[in-house]
């Protein structure tokens, strides 16, 4: 089981994923560049990468659920 410190909440608006705040640079309302296939894979537990458009930091997504992105490193 992944530690809660490795999670970050997101919002879904239609087919877009938004972080209310970037976990690294704290920019607000960040659109996450994930394709539908990557989102589907993350829900199935397939690892994928996110490069944050605001600060170019990298998140390795281990899985996703309906509320959180679960990463391989702490985000909180």
Protein backbone atom coordinates (compact mmCIF):
# COMPACT_ATOMS: atom_id res chain seq x y z
CA UNK A 1 0.00 0.00 0.00
CA UNK A 2 1.26 3.47 -0.89
CA UNK A 3 1.74 6.08 1.83
CA UNK A 4 -0.76 8.99 1.83
CA UNK A 5 2.19 11.40 1.56
CA UNK A 6 2.64 10.09 -1.98
CA UNK A 7 -0.81 11.29 -3.06
CA UNK A 8 -2.05 14.53 -4.56
CA UNK A 9 -5.71 15.50 -5.16
CA UNK A 10 -6.93 16.37 -8.63
CA UNK A 11 -10.08 17.64 -10.28
CA UNK A 12 -11.51 16.28 -13.50
CA UNK A 13 -13.33 18.66 -15.86
CA UNK A 14 -14.64 16.72 -18.85
CA UNK A 15 -11.54 14.93 -20.13
CA UNK A 16 -9.01 17.27 -18.53
CA UNK A 17 -7.15 16.73 -15.26
CA UNK A 18 -6.26 19.73 -13.07
CA UNK A 19 -4.24 20.09 -9.90
CA UNK A 20 -5.60 22.90 -7.77
CA UNK A 21 -1.99 23.63 -6.85
CA UNK A 22 1.33 22.30 -8.10
CA UNK A 23 3.00 20.20 -5.36
CA UNK A 24 6.41 21.65 -6.27
CA UNK A 25 6.12 25.35 -7.20
CA UNK A 26 2.60 25.98 -5.80
CA UNK A 27 1.23 27.46 -9.03
CA UNK A 28 -2.56 27.38 -8.92
CA UNK A 29 -4.93 25.63 -11.33
CA UNK A 30 -2.45 23.56 -13.34
CA UNK A 31 -3.71 21.59 -16.36
CA UNK A 32 -2.02 18.18 -16.34
CA UNK A 33 -0.90 16.97 -19.79
CA UNK A 34 -2.15 13.37 -19.70
CA UNK A 35 -3.65 11.52 -22.64
CA UNK A 36 -6.77 9.40 -22.22
CA UNK A 37 -4.75 6.21 -22.63
CA UNK A 38 -2.34 7.25 -19.85
CA UNK A 39 -5.24 8.07 -17.51
CA UNK A 40 -6.89 4.73 -18.23
CA UNK A 41 -3.58 2.93 -17.63
CA UNK A 42 -3.04 4.78 -14.34
CA UNK A 43 -6.48 3.67 -13.13
CA UNK A 44 -5.40 0.09 -13.93
CA UNK A 45 -2.13 0.51 -12.00
CA UNK A 46 0.20 1.03 -14.96
CA UNK A 47 2.93 3.55 -14.17
CA UNK A 48 3.04 6.73 -16.24
CA UNK A 49 4.93 10.03 -16.10
CA UNK A 50 3.73 13.59 -15.75
CA UNK A 51 5.97 16.55 -16.54
CA UNK A 52 4.47 19.54 -14.76
CA UNK A 53 3.97 22.36 -17.28
CA UNK A 54 4.58 25.08 -14.70
CA UNK A 55 7.98 24.04 -13.30
CA UNK A 56 9.06 21.01 -15.39
CA UNK A 57 9.22 18.70 -12.34
CA UNK A 58 8.51 15.04 -13.02
CA UNK A 59 5.94 12.85 -11.25
CA UNK A 60 5.92 9.09 -11.73
CA UNK A 61 2.28 8.12 -11.29
CA UNK A 62 1.92 4.68 -9.75
CA UNK A 63 -1.89 4.70 -9.89
CA UNK A 64 -4.95 6.93 -9.83
CA UNK A 65 -8.34 6.72 -8.22
CA UNK A 66 -11.33 9.04 -8.53
CA UNK A 67 -9.78 11.64 -6.18
CA UNK A 68 -6.00 11.24 -6.01
CA UNK A 69 -2.89 10.70 -8.07
CA UNK A 70 -0.60 8.24 -6.25
CA UNK A 71 3.10 8.79 -6.96
CA UNK A 72 6.31 6.86 -6.34
CA UNK A 73 7.77 9.73 -4.26
CA UNK A 74 6.27 11.99 -1.58
CA UNK A 75 4.30 14.98 -2.89
CA UNK A 76 3.23 16.38 0.49
